[in-house]
Amino acid sequence: MCISDGLFRKAKTVNQLLLLSTSACHLCEQAEALLQQLDIIYQKIDIAEQEQWQERYAIKIPVLLNTESRQELCWPFDIEQIQAFIIKL
């Protein structure tokens, strides 16, 4: 698990939890399934859309990004780690 500064502006809502991923990423699918089990609202971002995201996250994905605290939760993570991360929202 890594927790570091994020790239995005601060936001005020839980809706600003981002899942950074790419298509055809089985680990990203696992991370998304965990979020869905917890009924967590998030926005999925494909890092392939921005070169800077590819450079920063290519070997880290999936990554949960809390845009309010600018913290990242990098794979591998489990339900308990997600819950602890969400509490910080």
Foldseek 3Di string as FASTA:
>chain_A
DDKDAADAAADDDQQDKEFEAAPPDVQSVVVVVLCVVVVGHYHYDYLVVDPVSCVVCVPFPGWIANNNVRIIDTPPDHNVVVVVVSVVD
